[in-house]
C-alpha atoms as a PDB file:
ATOM      1  CA  MET A   1      40.175 -51.935  32.194  1.00  0.00           C
ATOM      2  CA  GLY A   2      40.621 -55.486  31.061  1.00  0.00           C
ATOM      3  CA  ASN A   3      37.571 -56.608  32.683  1.00  0.00           C
ATOM      4  CA  GLY A   4      35.383 -56.639  29.269  1.00  0.00           C
ATOM      5  CA  VAL A   5      33.402 -52.902  30.712  1.00  0.00           C
ATOM      6  CA  THR A   6      34.232 -49.843  28.643  1.00  0.00           C
ATOM      7  CA  VAL A   7      34.721 -46.415  30.854  1.00  0.00           C
ATOM      8  CA  ALA A   8      31.563 -45.562  29.020  1.00  0.00           C
ATOM      9  CA  GLN A   9      28.960 -48.330  30.966  1.00  0.00           C
ATOM     10  CA  GLN A  10      31.011 -47.551  33.924  1.00  0.00           C
ATOM     11  CA  THR A  11      30.690 -43.973  33.762  1.00  0.00           C
ATOM     12  CA  LEU A  12      26.735 -44.260  32.904  1.00  0.00           C
ATOM     13  CA  THR A  13      26.206 -46.820  35.463  1.00  0.00           C
ATOM     14  CA  LEU A  14      27.609 -44.499  38.343  1.00  0.00           C
ATOM     15  CA  PHE A  15      25.649 -41.098  36.730  1.00  0.00           C
ATOM     16  CA  VAL A  16      22.817 -42.861  37.280  1.00  0.00           C
ATOM     17  CA  LEU A  17      23.538 -44.131  41.027  1.00  0.00           C
ATOM     18  CA  VAL A  18      24.980 -40.439  41.588  1.00  0.00           C
ATOM     19  CA  ARG A  19      21.683 -39.430  39.570  1.00  0.00           C
ATOM     20  CA  ILE A  20      19.220 -41.038  41.732  1.00  0.00           C
ATOM     21  CA  GLN A  21      20.324 -40.907  45.148  1.00  0.00           C
ATOM     22  CA  VAL A  22      19.885 -36.974  45.070  1.00  0.00           C
ATOM     23  CA  PRO A  23      17.580 -36.205  47.861  1.00  0.00           C
ATOM     24  CA  GLN A  24      13.963 -35.480  46.287  1.00  0.00           C
ATOM     25  CA  PRO A  25      11.024 -34.298  47.843  1.00  0.00           C
ATOM     26  CA  LEU A  26       8.429 -36.549  48.583  1.00  0.00           C
ATOM     27  CA  LYS A  27       6.073 -37.095  46.069  1.00  0.00           C
ATOM     28  CA  ARG A  28       3.081 -39.492  44.968  1.00  0.00           C
ATOM     29  CA  ARG A  29       4.775 -42.161  42.312  1.00  0.00           C
ATOM     30  CA  ARG A  30       3.427 -42.126  39.250  1.00  0.00           C
ATOM     31  CA  ARG A  31       2.895 -45.073  36.816  1.00  0.00           C
ATOM     32  CA  PRO A  32       5.501 -45.352  34.189  1.00  0.00           C
ATOM     33  CA  VAL A  33       4.474 -43.938  30.895  1.00  0.00           C
ATOM     34  CA  ALA A  34       5.114 -46.083  27.756  1.00  0.00           C
ATOM     35  CA  GLY A  35       8.563 -45.809  26.536  1.00  0.00           C
ATOM     36  CA  ILE A  36      10.187 -44.246  29.503  1.00  0.00           C
ATOM     37  CA  PRO A  37      12.014 -46.533  32.036  1.00  0.00           C
ATOM     38  CA  ASP A  38      10.817 -46.508  35.773  1.00  0.00           C
ATOM     39  CA  ILE A  39      13.263 -44.822  37.873  1.00  0.00           C
ATOM     40  CA  TRP A  40      13.634 -47.891  40.330  1.00  0.00           C
ATOM     41  CA  GLN A  41      13.817 -50.487  37.270  1.00  0.00           C
ATOM     42  CA  ALA A  42      16.759 -47.967  36.266  1.00  0.00           C
ATOM     43  CA  ARG A  43      18.481 -47.870  39.895  1.00  0.00           C
ATOM     44  CA  SER A  44      18.342 -51.570  40.242  1.00  0.00           C
ATOM     45  CA  LEU A  45      19.463 -52.355  36.711  1.00  0.00           C
ATOM     46  CA  ALA A  46      22.804 -49.670  37.214  1.00  0.00           C
ATOM     47  CA  ARG A  47      23.074 -51.729  40.638  1.00  0.00           C
ATOM     48  CA  ALA A  48      23.255 -55.303  38.801  1.00  0.00           C
ATOM     49  CA  ALA A  49      25.452 -54.167  36.337  1.00  0.00           C
ATOM     50  CA  LEU A  50      28.218 -52.340  39.194  1.00  0.00           C
ATOM     51  CA  THR A  51      27.907 -55.418  41.082  1.00  0.00           C
ATOM     52  CA  LYS A  52      28.627 -57.434  38.126  1.00  0.00           C
ATOM     53  CA  THR A  53      31.778 -54.960  37.062  1.00  0.00           C
ATOM     54  CA  ARG A  54      32.554 -55.168  40.408  1.00  0.00           C
ATOM     55  CA  GLN A  55      33.065 -59.326  40.453  1.00  0.00           C
ATOM     56  CA  LYS A  56      34.465 -59.350  37.288  1.00  0.00           C
ATOM     57  CA  ALA A  57      37.146 -56.725  38.281  1.00  0.00           C
ATOM     58  CA  GLN A  58      38.084 -58.955  41.180  1.00  0.00           C
ATOM     59  CA  ALA A  59      37.989 -62.325  39.116  1.00  0.00           C
ATOM     60  CA  ASP A  60      40.553 -60.458  37.063  1.00  0.00           C
ATOM     61  CA  GLN A  61      42.782 -59.235  40.226  1.00  0.00           C
ATOM     62  CA  ALA A  62      42.986 -62.881  41.674  1.00  0.00           C
ATOM     63  CA  GLN A  63      44.725 -64.093  38.246  1.00  0.00           C
ATOM     64  CA  PRO A  64      48.275 -63.984  38.301  1.00  0.00           C
ATOM     65  CA  PHE A  65      50.129 -61.440  35.289  1.00  0.00           C
ATOM     66  CA  GLU A  66      51.834 -63.374  32.528  1.00  0.00           C
ATOM     67  CA  THR A  67      55.009 -62.115  32.362  1.00  0.00           C
ATOM     68  CA  ALA A  68      57.879 -62.188  29.472  1.00  0.00           C
ATOM     69  CA  VAL A  69      61.652 -61.935  30.132  1.00  0.00           C
ATOM     70  CA  ILE A  70      63.044 -59.334  28.126  1.00  0.00           C
ATOM     71  CA  GLU A  71      66.418 -61.148  26.766  1.00  0.00           C
ATOM     72  CA  ASP A  72      67.834 -57.876  25.176  1.00  0.00           C
ATOM     73  CA  SER A  73      67.380 -54.638  26.572  1.00  0.00           C
ATOM     74  CA  SER A  74      70.021 -52.846  24.673  1.00  0.00           C
ATOM     75  CA  LEU A  75      69.214 -49.684  22.720  1.00  0.00           C
ATOM     76  CA  ALA A  76      69.897 -51.726  19.032  1.00  0.00           C
ATOM     77  CA  ALA A  77      68.181 -54.569  20.098  1.00  0.00           C
ATOM     78  CA  PHE A  78      64.503 -53.806  18.279  1.00  0.00           C
ATOM     79  CA  TYR A  79      67.423 -53.249  15.016  1.00  0.00           C
ATOM     80  CA  ARG A  80      68.725 -56.799  15.596  1.00  0.00           C
ATOM     81  CA  ASP A  81      65.051 -58.692  15.922  1.00  0.00           C
ATOM     82  CA  MET A  82      64.385 -57.288  12.113  1.00  0.00           C
ATOM     83  CA  ASN A  83      64.315 -59.273   9.179  1.00  0.00           C
ATOM     84  CA  ALA A  84      66.131 -58.135   5.951  1.00  0.00           C
ATOM     85  CA  SER A  85      62.665 -56.333   4.314  1.00  0.00           C
ATOM     86  CA  GLU A  86      62.244 -54.435   7.682  1.00  0.00           C
ATOM     87  CA  ARG A  87      65.812 -53.476   7.976  1.00  0.00           C
ATOM     88  CA  ARG A  88      65.086 -51.852   4.039  1.00  0.00           C
ATOM     89  CA  THR A  89      61.855 -49.905   5.107  1.00  0.00           C
ATOM     90  CA  PHE A  90      63.880 -48.453   8.596  1.00  0.00           C
ATOM     91  CA  TRP A  91      66.489 -46.961   6.057  1.00  0.00           C
ATOM     92  CA  ALA A  92      64.298 -45.700   3.819  1.00  0.00           C
ATOM     93  CA  CYS A  93      62.077 -44.298   6.388  1.00  0.00           C
ATOM     94  CA  ALA A  94      65.401 -42.756   8.243  1.00  0.00           C
ATOM     95  CA  ALA A  95      67.157 -41.446   4.672  1.00  0.00           C
ATOM     96  CA  GLY A  96      62.986 -39.554   3.968  1.00  0.00           C
ATOM     97  CA  TRP A  97      63.284 -38.160   7.559  1.00  0.00           C
ATOM     98  CA  ALA A  98      66.869 -37.175   7.178  1.00  0.00           C
ATOM     99  CA  LEU A  99      65.907 -35.354   3.331  1.00  0.00           C
ATOM    100  CA  ASP A 100      62.635 -33.775   5.122  1.00  0.00           C
ATOM    101  CA  GLY A 101      65.418 -32.566   8.014  1.00  0.00           C
ATOM    102  CA  MET A 102      67.434 -31.324   5.210  1.00  0.00           C
ATOM    103  CA  ASP A 103      65.114 -29.638   3.634  1.00  0.00           C
ATOM    104  CA  PHE A 104      64.052 -27.603   6.321  1.00  0.00           C
ATOM    105  CA  MET A 105      67.615 -27.446   7.708  1.00  0.00           C
ATOM    106  CA  ILE A 106      69.082 -25.969   4.819  1.00  0.00           C
ATOM    107  CA  TYR A 107      68.149 -22.453   5.040  1.00  0.00           C
ATOM    108  CA  PRO A 108      69.188 -21.601   8.839  1.00  0.00           C
ATOM    109  CA  LEU A 109      72.593 -22.940   7.603  1.00  0.00           C
ATOM    110  CA  VAL A 110      72.879 -20.673   4.786  1.00  0.00           C
ATOM    111  CA  ILE A 111      70.923 -17.322   6.337  1.00  0.00           C
ATOM    112  CA  GLY A 112      74.108 -15.903   7.187  1.00  0.00           C
ATOM    113  CA  THR A 113      76.171 -16.135   3.936  1.00  0.00           C
ATOM    114  CA  SER A 114      72.946 -14.892   2.229  1.00  0.00           C
ATOM    115  CA  ILE A 115      72.977 -12.096   4.323  1.00  0.00           C
ATOM    116  CA  THR A 116      76.713 -10.897   3.966  1.00  0.00           C
ATOM    117  CA  MET A 117      77.021 -12.309   0.113  1.00  0.00           C
ATOM    118  CA  TRP A 118      73.566 -10.536  -1.324  1.00  0.00           C
ATOM    119  CA  LYS A 119      73.849  -7.529   1.769  1.00  0.00           C
ATOM    120  CA  VAL A 120      70.038  -8.800   2.564  1.00  0.00           C
ATOM    121  CA  ASP A 121      68.466  -6.621   5.746  1.00  0.00           C
ATOM    122  CA  ALA A 122      68.453  -9.641   8.571  1.00  0.00           C
ATOM    123  CA  GLY A 123      64.728  -8.234   9.335  1.00  0.00           C
ATOM    124  CA  TYR A 124      64.006  -9.991   5.578  1.00  0.00           C
ATOM    125  CA  ALA A 125      66.117 -12.703   5.931  1.00  0.00           C
ATOM    126  CA  GLY A 126      64.419 -13.913   9.301  1.00  0.00           C
ATOM    127  CA  LEU A 127      60.813 -13.199   7.750  1.00  0.00           C
ATOM    128  CA  ALA A 128      61.724 -15.524   4.876  1.00  0.00           C
ATOM    129  CA  GLY A 129      62.453 -17.827   7.357  1.00  0.00           C
ATOM    130  CA  THR A 130      59.116 -17.534   9.278  1.00  0.00           C
ATOM    131  CA  VAL A 131      57.022 -17.575   5.756  1.00  0.00           C
ATOM    132  CA  THR A 132      58.443 -20.623   4.940  1.00  0.00           C
ATOM    133  CA  SER A 133      57.894 -22.154   8.388  1.00  0.00           C
ATOM    134  CA  LEU A 134      54.006 -20.629   8.318  1.00  0.00           C
ATOM    135  CA  SER A 135      53.980 -21.996   4.777  1.00  0.00           C
ATOM    136  CA  SER A 136      54.876 -25.597   5.684  1.00  0.00           C
ATOM    137  CA  ALA A 137      52.428 -26.025   7.972  1.00  0.00           C
ATOM    138  CA  VAL A 138      49.791 -24.711   5.779  1.00  0.00           C
ATOM    139  CA  GLY A 139      50.782 -27.109   3.371  1.00  0.00           C
ATOM    140  CA  GLY A 140      51.136 -29.889   5.981  1.00  0.00           C
ATOM    141  CA  TRP A 141      47.193 -28.750   6.906  1.00  0.00           C
ATOM    142  CA  LEU A 142      46.166 -28.712   3.546  1.00  0.00           C
ATOM    143  CA  GLY A 143      47.534 -32.164   2.366  1.00  0.00           C
ATOM    144  CA  GLY A 144      46.062 -33.606   5.118  1.00  0.00           C
ATOM    145  CA  TYR A 145      42.995 -32.644   4.695  1.00  0.00           C
ATOM    146  CA  VAL A 146      43.358 -33.403   0.710  1.00  0.00           C
ATOM    147  CA  ALA A 147      44.670 -36.786   1.436  1.00  0.00           C
ATOM    148  CA  ASP A 148      41.578 -37.428   4.153  1.00  0.00           C
ATOM    149  CA  ARG A 149      39.293 -36.562   0.901  1.00  0.00           C
ATOM    150  CA  ILE A 150      41.058 -38.412  -1.912  1.00  0.00           C
ATOM    151  CA  GLY A 151      43.706 -40.663  -0.312  1.00  0.00           C
ATOM    152  CA  ARG A 152      47.575 -40.549   0.297  1.00  0.00           C
ATOM    153  CA  VAL A 153      48.793 -42.087  -2.817  1.00  0.00           C
ATOM    154  CA  ARG A 154      46.709 -39.654  -5.467  1.00  0.00           C
ATOM    155  CA  THR A 155      47.840 -36.610  -3.163  1.00  0.00           C
ATOM    156  CA  LEU A 156      51.249 -37.736  -3.403  1.00  0.00           C
ATOM    157  CA  GLN A 157      50.757 -38.241  -6.808  1.00  0.00           C
ATOM    158  CA  PHE A 158      49.138 -34.988  -7.319  1.00  0.00           C
ATOM    159  CA  THR A 159      52.346 -33.353  -5.253  1.00  0.00           C
ATOM    160  CA  ILE A 160      55.138 -34.795  -7.512  1.00  0.00           C
ATOM    161  CA  LEU A 161      52.901 -33.673 -10.864  1.00  0.00           C
ATOM    162  CA  TRP A 162      52.581 -30.144  -9.020  1.00  0.00           C
ATOM    163  CA  PHE A 163      55.945 -29.750  -8.157  1.00  0.00           C
ATOM    164  CA  SER A 164      57.544 -30.907 -11.415  1.00  0.00           C
ATOM    165  CA  PHE A 165      55.231 -28.509 -13.450  1.00  0.00           C
ATOM    166  CA  LEU A 166      56.378 -25.741 -10.931  1.00  0.00           C
ATOM    167  CA  LEU A 167      60.087 -26.494 -11.269  1.00  0.00           C
ATOM    168  CA  ALA A 168      59.826 -26.957 -14.980  1.00  0.00           C
ATOM    169  CA  GLY A 169      58.317 -24.029 -15.199  1.00  0.00           C
ATOM    170  CA  LEU A 170      60.912 -21.903 -12.679  1.00  0.00           C
ATOM    171  CA  ARG A 171      63.710 -23.380 -14.957  1.00  0.00           C
ATOM    172  CA  ASN A 172      62.266 -22.198 -18.173  1.00  0.00           C
ATOM    173  CA  ARG A 173      61.620 -19.013 -16.983  1.00  0.00           C
ATOM    174  CA  ALA A 174      65.166 -18.466 -15.529  1.00  0.00           C
ATOM    175  CA  GLU A 175      66.221 -19.401 -19.054  1.00  0.00           C
ATOM    176  CA  LEU A 176      64.766 -16.584 -21.217  1.00  0.00           C
END
């Protein structure tokens, strides 16, 4: 919008105007009840607000737009504009995203080998992939819920701790 009037205010103004302009059967006007605004007063207030909105919009249209010259529009222009700290952050995020993608894509890469080496039925191998994807989605939803309740940092700390104990338990069980 840009004119200082929210969409909700404009919608309310239009709703009041449309609602008031619906033909009503002629009735005797009653005195307004305390606490309930008079319908004619509400109509005049709505018209005043709409007029003010239109005037503001016309004033905004009269002002010229500010333009910015784009010096570099190449694909890597954003990277050249970064300082050293921003570049380190960019590469850390890229590495995290790549590791997350690798974690998800490692199973489809080895599924053919698993089927032939361990004589696994293709249906069970596909079921394992489906369960992995669904578990990942449920874990994301639950992690988001817990992060909303106790915070992202504590959720991440708890997840790392839980994962460490789980792997240590599996390692000890494998040694037995």
